C-alpha cells in the first residue's frame, strides 16, 4: 500500500470559503515580471566549515551515518556535484526514508 493511501482524516485540511484558491490567472509568482532570475547562493555551515552548493549539486543528509544505499556508505552530510551520481542511484536514494536529498537548482 502506498503512503498516499495512509492519509488520516485529521491530516486533511479543508479549504474554508474565505481561503479558497485564486484562479490561475490571478496568481502571480514572485519571479514573474523579473527579466533576470535571482542568483541563489547556498552554503552549508557545520563544524567542518562552510560548503558552497553550486547549481546542479545535490546535498544528501543521512539520519543514520554509515548506512549504505545505492552502493554508497553515507556520511551525515555529503554534497555531490552534477554527474557524480547516476539516475539509478538518485532514484534509490530518494526512496530511502533515512536519506534526505536537497537538489540545488
C-alpha atoms as a PDB file:
ATOM      1  CA  UNK A   1       0.000   0.000   0.000  1.00  0.00           C
ATOM      2  CA  UNK A   2       1.433   3.366  -0.911  1.00  0.00           C
ATOM      3  CA  UNK A   3       1.909   6.166   1.614  1.00  0.00           C
ATOM      4  CA  UNK A   4      -0.678   8.278  -0.169  1.00  0.00           C
ATOM      5  CA  UNK A   5      -3.384   5.847   0.888  1.00  0.00           C
ATOM      6  CA  UNK A   6      -2.408   6.155   4.563  1.00  0.00           C
ATOM      7  CA  UNK A   7      -3.546   9.776   4.989  1.00  0.00           C
ATOM      8  CA  UNK A   8      -5.539  10.237   8.179  1.00  0.00           C
ATOM      9  CA  UNK A   9      -8.702  12.304   8.031  1.00  0.00           C
ATOM     10  CA  UNK A  10      -7.395  14.699  10.706  1.00  0.00           C
ATOM     11  CA  UNK A  11      -4.346  15.409   8.493  1.00  0.00           C
ATOM     12  CA  UNK A  12      -6.573  16.640   5.672  1.00  0.00           C
ATOM     13  CA  UNK A  13      -7.265  20.362   5.885  1.00  0.00           C
ATOM     14  CA  UNK A  14     -10.468  21.590   4.329  1.00  0.00           C
ATOM     15  CA  UNK A  15     -10.484  24.860   2.437  1.00  0.00           C
ATOM     16  CA  UNK A  16     -12.801  27.386   4.039  1.00  0.00           C
ATOM     17  CA  UNK A  17     -14.828  29.691   1.753  1.00  0.00           C
ATOM     18  CA  UNK A  18     -12.652  32.673   2.727  1.00  0.00           C
ATOM     19  CA  UNK A  19      -9.484  30.650   1.992  1.00  0.00           C
ATOM     20  CA  UNK A  20     -10.370  29.413  -1.484  1.00  0.00           C
ATOM     21  CA  UNK A  21      -7.592  29.201  -4.009  1.00  0.00           C
ATOM     22  CA  UNK A  22      -7.330  32.003  -6.542  1.00  0.00           C
ATOM     23  CA  UNK A  23      -7.952  31.192 -10.187  1.00  0.00           C
ATOM     24  CA  UNK A  24      -4.713  30.598 -12.080  1.00  0.00           C
ATOM     25  CA  UNK A  25      -4.933  33.887 -13.979  1.00  0.00           C
ATOM     26  CA  UNK A  26      -4.958  35.814 -10.667  1.00  0.00           C
ATOM     27  CA  UNK A  27      -1.977  34.009  -9.114  1.00  0.00           C
ATOM     28  CA  UNK A  28       1.344  35.801  -9.564  1.00  0.00           C
ATOM     29  CA  UNK A  29       4.608  34.140  -8.688  1.00  0.00           C
ATOM     30  CA  UNK A  30       7.388  36.271  -7.157  1.00  0.00           C
ATOM     31  CA  UNK A  31       9.594  35.571 -10.181  1.00  0.00           C
ATOM     32  CA  UNK A  32       7.044  36.875 -12.692  1.00  0.00           C
ATOM     33  CA  UNK A  33       7.823  40.276 -14.099  1.00  0.00           C
ATOM     34  CA  UNK A  34      11.560  39.960 -13.464  1.00  0.00           C
ATOM     35  CA  UNK A  35      13.758  39.844 -16.523  1.00  0.00           C
ATOM     36  CA  UNK A  36      16.721  38.174 -14.808  1.00  0.00           C
ATOM     37  CA  UNK A  37      16.400  35.233 -12.417  1.00  0.00           C
ATOM     38  CA  UNK A  38      17.703  35.849  -8.918  1.00  0.00           C
ATOM     39  CA  UNK A  39      21.061  34.335  -8.091  1.00  0.00           C
ATOM     40  CA  UNK A  40      20.819  31.985  -5.154  1.00  0.00           C
ATOM     41  CA  UNK A  41      23.937  31.099  -3.234  1.00  0.00           C
ATOM     42  CA  UNK A  42      23.620  28.270  -0.740  1.00  0.00           C
ATOM     43  CA  UNK A  43      26.185  27.457   1.927  1.00  0.00           C
ATOM     44  CA  UNK A  44      26.052  24.543   4.342  1.00  0.00           C
ATOM     45  CA  UNK A  45      27.634  25.573   7.625  1.00  0.00           C
ATOM     46  CA  UNK A  46      28.849  22.961  10.102  1.00  0.00           C
ATOM     47  CA  UNK A  47      31.756  22.214  12.438  1.00  0.00           C
ATOM     48  CA  UNK A  48      33.958  21.330   9.458  1.00  0.00           C
ATOM     49  CA  UNK A  49      33.496  24.700   7.745  1.00  0.00           C
ATOM     50  CA  UNK A  50      31.295  26.122   5.030  1.00  0.00           C
ATOM     51  CA  UNK A  51      30.435  24.190   1.893  1.00  0.00           C
ATOM     52  CA  UNK A  52      29.055  26.074  -1.099  1.00  0.00           C
ATOM     53  CA  UNK A  53      26.411  24.301  -3.098  1.00  0.00           C
ATOM     54  CA  UNK A  54      26.635  25.145  -6.769  1.00  0.00           C
ATOM     55  CA  UNK A  55      23.670  24.917  -9.103  1.00  0.00           C
ATOM     56  CA  UNK A  56      23.151  21.297 -10.093  1.00  0.00           C
ATOM     57  CA  UNK A  57      24.646  19.912  -6.890  1.00  0.00           C
ATOM     58  CA  UNK A  58      22.839  17.503  -4.597  1.00  0.00           C
ATOM     59  CA  UNK A  59      23.007  17.635  -0.801  1.00  0.00           C
ATOM     60  CA  UNK A  60      22.396  14.267   0.859  1.00  0.00           C
ATOM     61  CA  UNK A  61      21.596  14.189   4.572  1.00  0.00           C
ATOM     62  CA  UNK A  62      21.669  10.808   6.306  1.00  0.00           C
ATOM     63  CA  UNK A  63      19.902  10.243   9.626  1.00  0.00           C
ATOM     64  CA  UNK A  64      21.996   7.093  10.248  1.00  0.00           C
ATOM     65  CA  UNK A  65      25.644   7.799   9.227  1.00  0.00           C
ATOM     66  CA  UNK A  66      27.380   4.692   7.910  1.00  0.00           C
ATOM     67  CA  UNK A  67      24.114   3.439   6.397  1.00  0.00           C
ATOM     68  CA  UNK A  68      24.542   2.011   2.884  1.00  0.00           C
ATOM     69  CA  UNK A  69      22.207   2.655  -0.041  1.00  0.00           C
ATOM     70  CA  UNK A  70      22.840   2.834  -3.797  1.00  0.00           C
ATOM     71  CA  UNK A  71      26.339   1.401  -3.312  1.00  0.00           C
ATOM     72  CA  UNK A  72      27.404   4.312  -1.068  1.00  0.00           C
ATOM     73  CA  UNK A  73      28.194   4.383   2.653  1.00  0.00           C
ATOM     74  CA  UNK A  74      26.580   7.663   3.611  1.00  0.00           C
ATOM     75  CA  UNK A  75      28.062  10.318   5.837  1.00  0.00           C
ATOM     76  CA  UNK A  76      25.754  12.546   7.892  1.00  0.00           C
ATOM     77  CA  UNK A  77      26.053  15.221   5.190  1.00  0.00           C
ATOM     78  CA  UNK A  78      27.580  14.980   1.728  1.00  0.00           C
ATOM     79  CA  UNK A  79      27.492  17.300  -1.285  1.00  0.00           C
ATOM     80  CA  UNK A  80      27.621  15.683  -4.727  1.00  0.00           C
ATOM     81  CA  UNK A  81      28.334  17.629  -7.891  1.00  0.00           C
ATOM     82  CA  UNK A  82      26.236  17.268 -11.015  1.00  0.00           C
ATOM     83  CA  UNK A  83      27.180  13.971 -12.662  1.00  0.00           C
ATOM     84  CA  UNK A  84      28.684  12.310  -9.553  1.00  0.00           C
ATOM     85  CA  UNK A  85      25.649  10.057  -9.148  1.00  0.00           C
ATOM     86  CA  UNK A  86      23.746   8.025 -11.699  1.00  0.00           C
ATOM     87  CA  UNK A  87      19.994   8.479 -12.159  1.00  0.00           C
ATOM     88  CA  UNK A  88      19.554   4.961 -10.717  1.00  0.00           C
ATOM     89  CA  UNK A  89      21.490   5.866  -7.554  1.00  0.00           C
ATOM     90  CA  UNK A  90      19.442   9.018  -7.082  1.00  0.00           C
ATOM     91  CA  UNK A  91      16.198   7.066  -7.549  1.00  0.00           C
ATOM     92  CA  UNK A  92      17.258   4.503  -4.909  1.00  0.00           C
ATOM     93  CA  UNK A  93      18.294   7.243  -2.503  1.00  0.00           C
ATOM     94  CA  UNK A  94      15.025   9.163  -2.984  1.00  0.00           C
ATOM     95  CA  UNK A  95      13.041   6.096  -1.884  1.00  0.00           C
ATOM     96  CA  UNK A  96      15.091   5.683   1.313  1.00  0.00           C
ATOM     97  CA  UNK A  97      13.496   7.255   4.444  1.00  0.00           C
ATOM     98  CA  UNK A  98      16.893   7.572   6.164  1.00  0.00           C
ATOM     99  CA  UNK A  99      18.108   9.912   3.434  1.00  0.00           C
ATOM    100  CA  UNK A 100      17.005  13.439   2.606  1.00  0.00           C
ATOM    101  CA  UNK A 101      18.055  14.833  -0.764  1.00  0.00           C
ATOM    102  CA  UNK A 102      18.219  18.553  -1.456  1.00  0.00           C
ATOM    103  CA  UNK A 103      18.662  19.493  -5.105  1.00  0.00           C
ATOM    104  CA  UNK A 104      20.162  22.909  -5.831  1.00  0.00           C
ATOM    105  CA  UNK A 105      18.675  24.468  -8.957  1.00  0.00           C
END
